[in-house]
PDB file of all heavy atoms in Angstrom:
ATOM      1  N   ALA A   1       0.822  -1.215   0.000  1.00  0.00           N
ATOM      2  CA  ALA A   1       0.000   0.000   0.000  1.00  0.00           C
ATOM      3  C   ALA A   1       0.853   1.260   0.000  1.00  0.00           C
ATOM      4  O   ALA A   1       0.321   2.367  -0.115  1.00  0.00           O
ATOM      5  CB  ALA A   1      -0.928   0.011   1.205  1.00  0.00           C
ATOM      6  N   GLY A   2       2.166   1.107   0.157  1.00  0.00           N
ATOM      7  CA  GLY A   2       3.040   2.280   0.261  1.00  0.00           C
ATOM      8  C   GLY A   2       2.809   3.051   1.539  1.00  0.00           C
ATOM      9  O   GLY A   2       3.008   4.265   1.584  1.00  0.00           O
ATOM     10  N   LEU A   3       2.406   2.349   2.599  1.00  0.00           N
ATOM     11  CA  LEU A   3       2.030   2.999   3.850  1.00  0.00           C
ATOM     12  C   LEU A   3       3.026   2.676   4.946  1.00  0.00           C
ATOM     13  O   LEU A   3       3.405   1.519   5.142  1.00  0.00           O
ATOM     14  CB  LEU A   3       0.641   2.517   4.291  1.00  0.00           C
ATOM     15  CG  LEU A   3       0.175   2.990   5.666  1.00  0.00           C
ATOM     16  CD1 LEU A   3      -0.200   4.468   5.629  1.00  0.00           C
ATOM     17  CD2 LEU A   3      -0.992   2.157   6.163  1.00  0.00           C
ATOM     18  N   GLY A   4       3.438   3.714   5.670  1.00  0.00           N
ATOM     19  CA  GLY A   4       4.290   3.526   6.832  1.00  0.00           C
ATOM     20  C   GLY A   4       3.802   4.366   7.989  1.00  0.00           C
ATOM     21  O   GLY A   4       3.412   5.525   7.804  1.00  0.00           O
ATOM     22  N   LEU A   5       3.804   3.803   9.195  1.00  0.00           N
ATOM     23  CA  LEU A   5       3.367   4.486  10.400  1.00  0.00           C
ATOM     24  C   LEU A   5       4.455   4.395  11.461  1.00  0.00           C
ATOM     25  O   LEU A   5       5.052   3.330  11.656  1.00  0.00           O
ATOM     26  CB  LEU A   5       2.083   3.859  10.956  1.00  0.00           C
ATOM     27  CG  LEU A   5       0.861   3.813  10.027  1.00  0.00           C
ATOM     28  CD1 LEU A   5      -0.272   3.047  10.693  1.00  0.00           C
ATOM     29  CD2 LEU A   5       0.418   5.214   9.646  1.00  0.00           C
ATOM     30  N   ALA A   6       4.707   5.512  12.136  1.00  0.00           N
ATOM     31  CA  ALA A   6       5.687   5.551  13.225  1.00  0.00           C
ATOM     32  C   ALA A   6       5.033   6.150  14.456  1.00  0.00           C
ATOM     33  O   ALA A   6       4.193   7.060  14.350  1.00  0.00           O
ATOM     34  CB  ALA A   6       6.899   6.384  12.814  1.00  0.00           C
ATOM     35  N   HIS A   7       5.449   5.669  15.628  1.00  0.00           N
ATOM     36  CA  HIS A   7       4.803   6.104  16.860  1.00  0.00           C
ATOM     37  C   HIS A   7       5.800   6.143  18.007  1.00  0.00           C
ATOM     38  O   HIS A   7       6.624   5.249  18.157  1.00  0.00           O
ATOM     39  CB  HIS A   7       3.670   5.137  17.217  1.00  0.00           C
ATOM     40  CG  HIS A   7       2.859   5.548  18.401  1.00  0.00           C
ATOM     41  ND1 HIS A   7       3.048   5.034  19.658  1.00  0.00           N
ATOM     42  CD2 HIS A   7       1.848   6.457  18.517  1.00  0.00           C
ATOM     43  CE1 HIS A   7       2.181   5.588  20.491  1.00  0.00           C
ATOM     44  NE2 HIS A   7       1.450   6.447  19.835  1.00  0.00           N
ATOM     45  N   ARG A   8       5.742   7.204  18.795  1.00  0.00           N
ATOM     46  CA  ARG A   8       6.451   7.287  20.072  1.00  0.00           C
ATOM     47  C   ARG A   8       5.408   7.378  21.159  1.00  0.00           C
ATOM     48  O   ARG A   8       4.454   8.152  21.051  1.00  0.00           O
ATOM     49  CB  ARG A   8       7.340   8.534  20.137  1.00  0.00           C
ATOM     50  CG  ARG A   8       8.505   8.547  19.198  1.00  0.00           C
ATOM     51  CD  ARG A   8       9.573   7.535  19.443  1.00  0.00           C
ATOM     52  NE  ARG A   8       9.934   7.287  20.818  1.00  0.00           N
ATOM     53  CZ  ARG A   8      11.060   6.651  21.171  1.00  0.00           C
ATOM     54  NH1 ARG A   8      11.918   6.233  20.252  1.00  0.00           N
ATOM     55  NH2 ARG A   8      11.322   6.424  22.442  1.00  0.00           N
ATOM     56  N   GLN A   9       5.590   6.591  22.202  1.00  0.00           N
ATOM     57  CA  GLN A   9       4.541   6.497  23.211  1.00  0.00           C
ATOM     58  C   GLN A   9       5.020   6.899  24.599  1.00  0.00           C
ATOM     59  O   GLN A   9       6.105   6.530  25.029  1.00  0.00           O
ATOM     60  CB  GLN A   9       3.999   5.069  23.278  1.00  0.00           C
ATOM     61  CG  GLN A   9       2.795   4.926  24.206  1.00  0.00           C
ATOM     62  CD  GLN A   9       2.132   3.573  24.075  1.00  0.00           C
ATOM     63  OE1 GLN A   9       2.512   2.779  23.223  1.00  0.00           O
ATOM     64  NE2 GLN A   9       1.145   3.319  24.910  1.00  0.00           N
ATOM     65  N   LEU A  10       4.150   7.654  25.259  1.00  0.00           N
ATOM     66  CA  LEU A  10       4.276   7.947  26.676  1.00  0.00           C
ATOM     67  C   LEU A  10       3.205   7.156  27.396  1.00  0.00           C
ATOM     68  O   LEU A  10       2.008   7.338  27.133  1.00  0.00           O
ATOM     69  CB  LEU A  10       4.091   9.441  26.944  1.00  0.00           C
ATOM     70  CG  LEU A  10       4.079   9.874  28.412  1.00  0.00           C
ATOM     71  CD1 LEU A  10       5.445   9.646  29.045  1.00  0.00           C
ATOM     72  CD2 LEU A  10       3.675  11.344  28.539  1.00  0.00           C
ATOM     73  N   ALA A  11       3.591   6.245  28.268  1.00  0.00           N
ATOM     74  CA  ALA A  11       2.618   5.412  28.973  1.00  0.00           C
ATOM     75  C   ALA A  11       1.779   6.278  29.900  1.00  0.00           C
ATOM     76  O   ALA A  11       2.297   7.102  30.638  1.00  0.00           O
ATOM     77  CB  ALA A  11       3.326   4.320  29.775  1.00  0.00           C
ATOM     78  N   THR A  12       0.457   6.071  29.862  1.00  0.00           N
ATOM     79  CA  THR A  12      -0.452   6.842  30.725  1.00  0.00           C
ATOM     80  C   THR A  12      -1.367   5.890  31.474  1.00  0.00           C
ATOM     81  O   THR A  12      -1.022   5.377  32.516  1.00  0.00           O
ATOM     82  CB  THR A  12      -1.268   7.844  29.889  1.00  0.00           C
ATOM     83  OG1 THR A  12      -1.912   7.154  28.807  1.00  0.00           O
ATOM     84  CG2 THR A  12      -0.356   8.918  29.317  1.00  0.00           C
ATOM     85  N   VAL A  13      -2.537   5.630  30.912  1.00  0.00           N
ATOM     86  CA  VAL A  13      -3.531   4.840  31.630  1.00  0.00           C
ATOM     87  C   VAL A  13      -3.186   3.355  31.642  1.00  0.00           C
ATOM     88  O   VAL A  13      -3.173   2.709  32.671  1.00  0.00           O
ATOM     89  CB  VAL A  13      -4.938   5.041  31.005  1.00  0.00           C
ATOM     90  CG1 VAL A  13      -5.948   4.137  31.680  1.00  0.00           C
ATOM     91  CG2 VAL A  13      -5.337   6.501  31.124  1.00  0.00           C
ATOM     92  N   ASP A  14      -2.894   2.802  30.463  1.00  0.00           N
ATOM     93  CA  ASP A  14      -2.695   1.363  30.352  1.00  0.00           C
ATOM     94  C   ASP A  14      -1.262   1.081  29.962  1.00  0.00           C
ATOM     95  O   ASP A  14      -0.924   1.012  28.793  1.00  0.00           O
ATOM     96  CB  ASP A  14      -3.653   0.782  29.298  1.00  0.00           C
ATOM     97  CG  ASP A  14      -3.541  -0.733  29.181  1.00  0.00           C
ATOM     98  OD1 ASP A  14      -2.832  -1.327  30.009  1.00  0.00           O
ATOM     99  OD2 ASP A  14      -4.154  -1.298  28.263  1.00  0.00           O
ATOM    100  N   SER A  15      -0.393   0.948  30.958  1.00  0.00           N
ATOM    101  CA  SER A  15       1.019   0.735  30.671  1.00  0.00           C
ATOM    102  C   SER A  15       1.262  -0.600  29.998  1.00  0.00           C
ATOM    103  O   SER A  15       2.293  -0.788  29.333  1.00  0.00           O
ATOM    104  CB  SER A  15       1.830   0.812  31.969  1.00  0.00           C
ATOM    105  OG  SER A  15       1.399  -0.190  32.880  1.00  0.00           O
ATOM    106  N   SER A  16       0.327  -1.557  30.096  1.00  0.00           N
ATOM    107  CA  SER A  16       0.505  -2.848  29.454  1.00  0.00           C
ATOM    108  C   SER A  16       0.446  -2.751  27.945  1.00  0.00           C
ATOM    109  O   SER A  16       0.869  -3.658  27.234  1.00  0.00           O
ATOM    110  CB  SER A  16      -0.563  -3.832  29.937  1.00  0.00           C
ATOM    111  OG  SER A  16      -1.850  -3.435  29.497  1.00  0.00           O
ATOM    112  N   SER A  17      -0.116  -1.642  27.421  1.00  0.00           N
ATOM    113  CA  SER A  17      -0.261  -1.505  25.970  1.00  0.00           C
ATOM    114  C   SER A  17       0.941  -0.845  25.330  1.00  0.00           C
ATOM    115  O   SER A  17       0.958  -0.645  24.130  1.00  0.00           O
ATOM    116  CB  SER A  17      -1.522  -0.689  25.647  1.00  0.00           C
ATOM    117  OG  SER A  17      -1.359   0.662  26.051  1.00  0.00           O
ATOM    118  N   VAL A  18       1.959  -0.536  26.110  1.00  0.00           N
ATOM    119  CA  VAL A  18       3.106   0.185  25.570  1.00  0.00           C
ATOM    120  C   VAL A  18       3.742  -0.562  24.417  1.00  0.00           C
ATOM    121  O   VAL A  18       4.131   0.022  23.421  1.00  0.00           O
ATOM    122  CB  VAL A  18       4.145   0.459  26.681  1.00  0.00           C
ATOM    123  CG1 VAL A  18       5.457   0.936  26.092  1.00  0.00           C
ATOM    124  CG2 VAL A  18       3.607   1.493  27.657  1.00  0.00           C
ATOM    125  N   GLU A  19       3.841  -1.885  24.527  1.00  0.00           N
ATOM    126  CA  GLU A  19       4.510  -2.655  23.493  1.00  0.00           C
ATOM    127  C   GLU A  19       3.591  -3.009  22.329  1.00  0.00           C
ATOM    128  O   GLU A  19       4.032  -3.634  21.383  1.00  0.00           O
ATOM    129  CB  GLU A  19       5.099  -3.940  24.104  1.00  0.00           C
ATOM    130  CG  GLU A  19       6.098  -3.690  25.224  1.00  0.00           C
ATOM    131  CD  GLU A  19       7.316  -2.915  24.762  1.00  0.00           C
ATOM    132  OE1 GLU A  19       7.658  -2.994  23.567  1.00  0.00           O
ATOM    133  OE2 GLU A  19       7.904  -2.195  25.587  1.00  0.00           O
ATOM    134  N   ALA A  20       2.321  -2.656  22.427  1.00  0.00           N
ATOM    135  CA  ALA A  20       1.356  -3.113  21.430  1.00  0.00           C
ATOM    136  C   ALA A  20       1.066  -2.086  20.357  1.00  0.00           C
ATOM    137  O   ALA A  20       0.188  -2.279  19.547  1.00  0.00           O
ATOM    138  CB  ALA A  20       0.053  -3.504  22.121  1.00  0.00           C
ATOM    139  N   GLN A  21       1.786  -0.980  20.339  1.00  0.00           N
ATOM    140  CA  GLN A  21       1.507   0.057  19.358  1.00  0.00           C
ATOM    141  C   GLN A  21       2.248  -0.240  18.050  1.00  0.00           C
ATOM    142  O   GLN A  21       3.373  -0.709  18.075  1.00  0.00           O
ATOM    143  CB  GLN A  21       1.952   1.412  19.892  1.00  0.00           C
ATOM    144  CG  GLN A  21       1.222   1.868  21.122  1.00  0.00           C
ATOM    145  CD  GLN A  21      -0.184   2.350  20.825  1.00  0.00           C
ATOM    146  OE1 GLN A  21      -0.493   2.735  19.703  1.00  0.00           O
ATOM    147  NE2 GLN A  21      -1.038   2.304  21.801  1.00  0.00           N
ATOM    148  N   PRO A  22       1.670   0.100  16.880  1.00  0.00           N
ATOM    149  CA  PRO A  22       0.302   0.604  16.735  1.00  0.00           C
ATOM    150  C   PRO A  22      -0.710  -0.539  16.798  1.00  0.00           C
ATOM    151  O   PRO A  22      -0.496  -1.585  16.192  1.00  0.00           O
ATOM    152  CB  PRO A  22       0.319   1.264  15.355  1.00  0.00           C
ATOM    153  CG  PRO A  22       1.363   0.524  14.594  1.00  0.00           C
ATOM    154  CD  PRO A  22       2.411   0.117  15.607  1.00  0.00           C
ATOM    155  N   PRO A  23      -1.810  -0.367  17.539  1.00  0.00           N
ATOM    156  CA  PRO A  23      -2.777  -1.451  17.714  1.00  0.00           C
ATOM    157  C   PRO A  23      -3.730  -1.581  16.527  1.00  0.00           C
ATOM    158  O   PRO A  23      -3.919  -0.651  15.744  1.00  0.00           O
ATOM    159  CB  PRO A  23      -3.534  -1.024  18.969  1.00  0.00           C
ATOM    160  CG  PRO A  23      -3.493   0.466  18.927  1.00  0.00           C
ATOM    161  CD  PRO A  23      -2.168   0.823  18.305  1.00  0.00           C
ATOM    162  N   TRP A  24      -4.341  -2.758  16.428  1.00  0.00           N
ATOM    163  CA  TRP A  24      -5.361  -3.043  15.423  1.00  0.00           C
ATOM    164  C   TRP A  24      -6.710  -3.223  16.114  1.00  0.00           C
ATOM    165  O   TRP A  24      -6.776  -3.641  17.270  1.00  0.00           O
ATOM    166  CB  TRP A  24      -5.014  -4.313  14.655  1.00  0.00           C
ATOM    167  CG  TRP A  24      -3.930  -4.111  13.639  1.00  0.00           C
ATOM    168  CD1 TRP A  24      -2.590  -4.115  13.869  1.00  0.00           C
ATOM    169  CD2 TRP A  24      -4.106  -3.860  12.254  1.00  0.00           C
ATOM    170  NE1 TRP A  24      -1.906  -3.883  12.698  1.00  0.00           N
ATOM    171  CE2 TRP A  24      -2.815  -3.727  11.685  1.00  0.00           C
ATOM    172  CE3 TRP A  24      -5.219  -3.743  11.423  1.00  0.00           C
ATOM    173  CZ2 TRP A  24      -2.618  -3.466  10.337  1.00  0.00           C
ATOM    174  CZ3 TRP A  24      -5.019  -3.480  10.075  1.00  0.00           C
ATOM    175  CH2 TRP A  24      -3.736  -3.356   9.539  1.00  0.00           C
ATOM    176  N   SER A  25      -7.769  -2.932  15.375  1.00  0.00           N
ATOM    177  CA  SER A  25      -9.112  -3.147  15.901  1.00  0.00           C
ATOM    178  C   SER A  25      -9.410  -4.637  15.967  1.00  0.00           C
ATOM    179  O   SER A  25      -8.742  -5.459  15.327  1.00  0.00           O
ATOM    180  CB  SER A  25     -10.148  -2.444  15.023  1.00  0.00           C
ATOM    181  OG  SER A  25     -10.169  -3.015  13.723  1.00  0.00           O
ATOM    182  N   GLY A  26     -10.443  -4.995  16.733  1.00  0.00           N
ATOM    183  CA  GLY A  26     -10.814  -6.390  16.877  1.00  0.00           C
ATOM    184  C   GLY A  26     -11.177  -7.050  15.562  1.00  0.00           C
ATOM    185  O   GLY A  26     -10.956  -8.255  15.379  1.00  0.00           O
ATOM    186  N   SER A  27     -11.723  -6.291  14.624  1.00  0.00           N
ATOM    187  CA  SER A  27     -12.104  -6.837  13.323  1.00  0.00           C
ATOM    188  C   SER A  27     -10.902  -7.039  12.406  1.00  0.00           C
ATOM    189  O   SER A  27     -11.005  -7.709  11.378  1.00  0.00           O
ATOM    190  CB  SER A  27     -13.091  -5.890  12.633  1.00  0.00           C
ATOM    191  OG  SER A  27     -12.442  -4.665  12.289  1.00  0.00           O
ATOM    192  N   GLY A  28      -9.763  -6.419  12.773  1.00  0.00           N
ATOM    193  CA  GLY A  28      -8.592  -6.474  11.909  1.00  0.00           C
ATOM    194  C   GLY A  28      -8.645  -5.479  10.751  1.00  0.00           C
ATOM    195  O   GLY A  28      -7.775  -5.493   9.877  1.00  0.00           O
ATOM    196  N   ARG A  29      -9.639  -4.600  10.779  1.00  0.00           N
ATOM    197  CA  ARG A  29      -9.799  -3.651   9.664  1.00  0.00           C
ATOM    198  C   ARG A  29      -8.990  -2.380   9.867  1.00  0.00           C
ATOM    199  O   ARG A  29      -8.445  -1.831   8.904  1.00  0.00           O
ATOM    200  CB  ARG A  29     -11.282  -3.292   9.499  1.00  0.00           C
ATOM    201  CG  ARG A  29     -11.533  -2.243   8.435  1.00  0.00           C
ATOM    202  CD  ARG A  29     -13.017  -2.002   8.194  1.00  0.00           C
ATOM    203  NE  ARG A  29     -13.223  -0.935   7.229  1.00  0.00           N
ATOM    204  CZ  ARG A  29     -14.413  -0.550   6.767  1.00  0.00           C
ATOM    205  NH1 ARG A  29     -15.509  -1.182   7.182  1.00  0.00           N
ATOM    206  NH2 ARG A  29     -14.516   0.433   5.893  1.00  0.00           N
ATOM    207  N   TYR A  30      -8.901  -1.894  11.108  1.00  0.00           N
ATOM    208  CA  TYR A  30      -8.306  -0.584  11.368  1.00  0.00           C
ATOM    209  C   TYR A  30      -7.023  -0.684  12.195  1.00  0.00           C
ATOM    210  O   TYR A  30      -6.928  -1.486  13.126  1.00  0.00           O
ATOM    211  CB  TYR A  30      -9.294   0.308  12.124  1.00  0.00           C
ATOM    212  CG  TYR A  30     -10.579   0.581  11.395  1.00  0.00           C
ATOM    213  CD1 TYR A  30     -11.753  -0.079  11.746  1.00  0.00           C
ATOM    214  CD2 TYR A  30     -10.624   1.500  10.353  1.00  0.00           C
ATOM    215  CE1 TYR A  30     -12.941   0.168  11.088  1.00  0.00           C
ATOM    216  CE2 TYR A  30     -11.814   1.750   9.673  1.00  0.00           C
ATOM    217  CZ  TYR A  30     -12.974   1.087  10.046  1.00  0.00           C
ATOM    218  OH  TYR A  30     -14.150   1.329   9.386  1.00  0.00           O
ATOM    219  N   CYS A  31      -6.088   0.176  11.842  1.00  0.00           N
ATOM    220  CA  CYS A  31      -4.839   0.320  12.588  1.00  0.00           C
ATOM    221  C   CYS A  31      -4.659   1.811  12.882  1.00  0.00           C
ATOM    222  O   CYS A  31      -5.075   2.660  12.074  1.00  0.00           O
ATOM    223  CB  CYS A  31      -3.679  -0.210  11.753  1.00  0.00           C
ATOM    224  SG  CYS A  31      -2.038  -0.039  12.491  1.00  0.00           S
ATOM    225  N   ILE A  32      -4.047   2.140  14.023  1.00  0.00           N
ATOM    226  CA  ILE A  32      -3.979   3.550  14.417  1.00  0.00           C
ATOM    227  C   ILE A  32      -2.642   3.886  15.061  1.00  0.00           C
ATOM    228  O   ILE A  32      -2.026   3.049  15.727  1.00  0.00           O
ATOM    229  CB  ILE A  32      -5.125   3.888  15.404  1.00  0.00           C
ATOM    230  CG1 ILE A  32      -5.327   5.390  15.531  1.00  0.00           C
ATOM    231  CG2 ILE A  32      -4.887   3.252  16.758  1.00  0.00           C
ATOM    232  CD1 ILE A  32      -6.578   5.774  16.302  1.00  0.00           C
ATOM    233  N   VAL A  33      -2.174   5.102  14.816  1.00  0.00           N
ATOM    234  CA  VAL A  33      -1.141   5.727  15.647  1.00  0.00           C
ATOM    235  C   VAL A  33      -1.778   6.993  16.209  1.00  0.00           C
ATOM    236  O   VAL A  33      -2.364   7.787  15.485  1.00  0.00           O
ATOM    237  CB  VAL A  33       0.161   6.035  14.874  1.00  0.00           C
ATOM    238  CG1 VAL A  33       0.958   4.767  14.653  1.00  0.00           C
ATOM    239  CG2 VAL A  33      -0.094   6.735  13.544  1.00  0.00           C
ATOM    240  N   PHE A  34      -1.638   7.172  17.521  1.00  0.00           N
ATOM    241  CA  PHE A  34      -2.481   8.115  18.257  1.00  0.00           C
ATOM    242  C   PHE A  34      -1.634   8.971  19.185  1.00  0.00           C
ATOM    243  O   PHE A  34      -0.751   8.473  19.882  1.00  0.00           O
ATOM    244  CB  PHE A  34      -3.510   7.314  19.067  1.00  0.00           C
ATOM    245  CG  PHE A  34      -4.436   8.139  19.909  1.00  0.00           C
ATOM    246  CD1 PHE A  34      -5.616   8.618  19.404  1.00  0.00           C
ATOM    247  CD2 PHE A  34      -4.119   8.406  21.241  1.00  0.00           C
ATOM    248  CE1 PHE A  34      -6.492   9.363  20.189  1.00  0.00           C
ATOM    249  CE2 PHE A  34      -4.970   9.155  22.038  1.00  0.00           C
ATOM    250  CZ  PHE A  34      -6.161   9.630  21.509  1.00  0.00           C
ATOM    251  N   ASP A  35      -1.941  10.263  19.209  1.00  0.00           N
ATOM    252  CA  ASP A  35      -1.326  11.204  20.145  1.00  0.00           C
ATOM    253  C   ASP A  35      -2.441  11.956  20.861  1.00  0.00           C
ATOM    254  O   ASP A  35      -3.270  12.597  20.207  1.00  0.00           O
ATOM    255  CB  ASP A  35      -0.425  12.194  19.395  1.00  0.00           C
ATOM    256  CG  ASP A  35       0.091  13.318  20.288  1.00  0.00           C
ATOM    257  OD1 ASP A  35       0.216  13.104  21.510  1.00  0.00           O
ATOM    258  OD2 ASP A  35       0.393  14.404  19.750  1.00  0.00           O
ATOM    259  N   GLY A  36      -2.477  11.889  22.190  1.00  0.00           N
ATOM    260  CA  GLY A  36      -3.476  12.674  22.907  1.00  0.00           C
ATOM    261  C   GLY A  36      -4.155  11.899  24.008  1.00  0.00           C
ATOM    262  O   GLY A  36      -3.687  10.863  24.474  1.00  0.00           O
ATOM    263  N   ARG A  37      -5.289  12.422  24.435  1.00  0.00           N
ATOM    264  CA  ARG A  37      -6.129  11.819  25.472  1.00  0.00           C
ATOM    265  C   ARG A  37      -7.589  11.949  25.070  1.00  0.00           C
ATOM    266  O   ARG A  37      -8.014  12.979  24.548  1.00  0.00           O
ATOM    267  CB  ARG A  37      -5.927  12.519  26.823  1.00  0.00           C
ATOM    268  CG  ARG A  37      -4.583  12.329  27.459  1.00  0.00           C
ATOM    269  CD  ARG A  37      -4.300  10.885  27.813  1.00  0.00           C
ATOM    270  NE  ARG A  37      -5.356  10.278  28.616  1.00  0.00           N
ATOM    271  CZ  ARG A  37      -5.430  10.374  29.949  1.00  0.00           C
ATOM    272  NH1 ARG A  37      -4.519  11.082  30.620  1.00  0.00           N
ATOM    273  NH2 ARG A  37      -6.399   9.780  30.599  1.00  0.00           N
ATOM    274  N   ILE A  38      -8.345  10.890  25.334  1.00  0.00           N
ATOM    275  CA  ILE A  38      -9.796  10.915  25.160  1.00  0.00           C
ATOM    276  C   ILE A  38     -10.402  10.956  26.554  1.00  0.00           C
ATOM    277  O   ILE A  38     -10.321   9.986  27.313  1.00  0.00           O
ATOM    278  CB  ILE A  38     -10.290   9.688  24.377  1.00  0.00           C
ATOM    279  CG1 ILE A  38      -9.686   9.702  22.973  1.00  0.00           C
ATOM    280  CG2 ILE A  38     -11.824   9.684  24.294  1.00  0.00           C
ATOM    281  CD1 ILE A  38     -10.003   8.468  22.163  1.00  0.00           C
ATOM    282  N   TYR A  39     -10.981  12.079  26.912  1.00  0.00           N
ATOM    283  CA  TYR A  39     -11.451  12.279  28.270  1.00  0.00           C
ATOM    284  C   TYR A  39     -12.643  11.389  28.618  1.00  0.00           C
ATOM    285  O   TYR A  39     -12.829  11.028  29.789  1.00  0.00           O
ATOM    286  CB  TYR A  39     -11.821  13.746  28.493  1.00  0.00           C
ATOM    287  CG  TYR A  39     -10.687  14.702  28.236  1.00  0.00           C
ATOM    288  CD1 TYR A  39     -10.894  15.899  27.554  1.00  0.00           C
ATOM    289  CD2 TYR A  39      -9.388  14.417  28.667  1.00  0.00           C
ATOM    290  CE1 TYR A  39      -9.852  16.785  27.315  1.00  0.00           C
ATOM    291  CE2 TYR A  39      -8.342  15.285  28.431  1.00  0.00           C
ATOM    292  CZ  TYR A  39      -8.578  16.475  27.751  1.00  0.00           C
ATOM    293  OH  TYR A  39      -7.540  17.341  27.505  1.00  0.00           O
ATOM    294  N   ASN A  40     -13.468  11.071  27.653  1.00  0.00           N
ATOM    295  CA  ASN A  40     -14.655  10.251  27.937  1.00  0.00           C
ATOM    296  C   ASN A  40     -14.465   8.809  27.477  1.00  0.00           C
ATOM    297  O   ASN A  40     -15.431   8.140  27.100  1.00  0.00           O
ATOM    298  CB  ASN A  40     -15.891  10.861  27.282  1.00  0.00           C
ATOM    299  CG  ASN A  40     -15.827  10.881  25.763  1.00  0.00           C
ATOM    300  OD1 ASN A  40     -14.735  10.962  25.188  1.00  0.00           O
ATOM    301  ND2 ASN A  40     -16.971  10.836  25.105  1.00  0.00           N
ATOM    302  N   PHE A  41     -13.232   8.305  27.510  1.00  0.00           N
ATOM    303  CA  PHE A  41     -12.998   6.951  27.011  1.00  0.00           C
ATOM    304  C   PHE A  41     -13.704   5.901  27.865  1.00  0.00           C
ATOM    305  O   PHE A  41     -14.131   4.864  27.350  1.00  0.00           O
ATOM    306  CB  PHE A  41     -11.500   6.661  26.890  1.00  0.00           C
ATOM    307  CG  PHE A  41     -10.822   6.224  28.158  1.00  0.00           C
ATOM    308  CD1 PHE A  41     -10.611   4.884  28.416  1.00  0.00           C
ATOM    309  CD2 PHE A  41     -10.376   7.155  29.085  1.00  0.00           C
ATOM    310  CE1 PHE A  41      -9.983   4.472  29.576  1.00  0.00           C
ATOM    311  CE2 PHE A  41      -9.750   6.757  30.248  1.00  0.00           C
ATOM    312  CZ  PHE A  41      -9.557   5.409  30.495  1.00  0.00           C
ATOM    313  N   ARG A  42     -13.865   6.149  29.180  1.00  0.00           N
ATOM    314  CA  ARG A  42     -14.582   5.182  30.012  1.00  0.00           C
ATOM    315  C   ARG A  42     -16.063   5.124  29.635  1.00  0.00           C
ATOM    316  O   ARG A  42     -16.680   4.058  29.635  1.00  0.00           O
ATOM    317  CB  ARG A  42     -14.413   5.540  31.494  1.00  0.00           C
ATOM    318  CG  ARG A  42     -12.999   5.288  32.023  1.00  0.00           C
ATOM    319  CD  ARG A  42     -12.924   5.466  33.527  1.00  0.00           C
ATOM    320  NE  ARG A  42     -11.607   5.138  34.043  1.00  0.00           N
ATOM    321  CZ  ARG A  42     -10.589   5.999  34.108  1.00  0.00           C
ATOM    322  NH1 ARG A  42     -10.754   7.248  33.689  1.00  0.00           N
ATOM    323  NH2 ARG A  42      -9.417   5.609  34.577  1.00  0.00           N
ATOM    324  N   GLU A  43     -16.625   6.279  29.332  1.00  0.00           N
ATOM    325  CA  GLU A  43     -18.023   6.323  28.878  1.00  0.00           C
ATOM    326  C   GLU A  43     -18.177   5.570  27.557  1.00  0.00           C
ATOM    327  O   GLU A  43     -19.136   4.811  27.362  1.00  0.00           O
ATOM    328  CB  GLU A  43     -18.448   7.777  28.712  1.00  0.00           C
ATOM    329  CG  GLU A  43     -19.821   7.969  28.109  1.00  0.00           C
ATOM    330  CD  GLU A  43     -20.102   9.436  27.821  1.00  0.00           C
ATOM    331  OE1 GLU A  43     -19.563  10.300  28.531  1.00  0.00           O
ATOM    332  OE2 GLU A  43     -20.871   9.697  26.873  1.00  0.00           O
TER     333      GLU A  43
END
């Protein structure tokens, strides 16, 4: 696809996910590199 993704991570809420970046969705359709915080993620 000619696609490359790079990510640097600062562990915050879930330190166990540090090694899992970039993660894939459960369906295997989506992959993400993410910077920021989602305040309503628990909701």
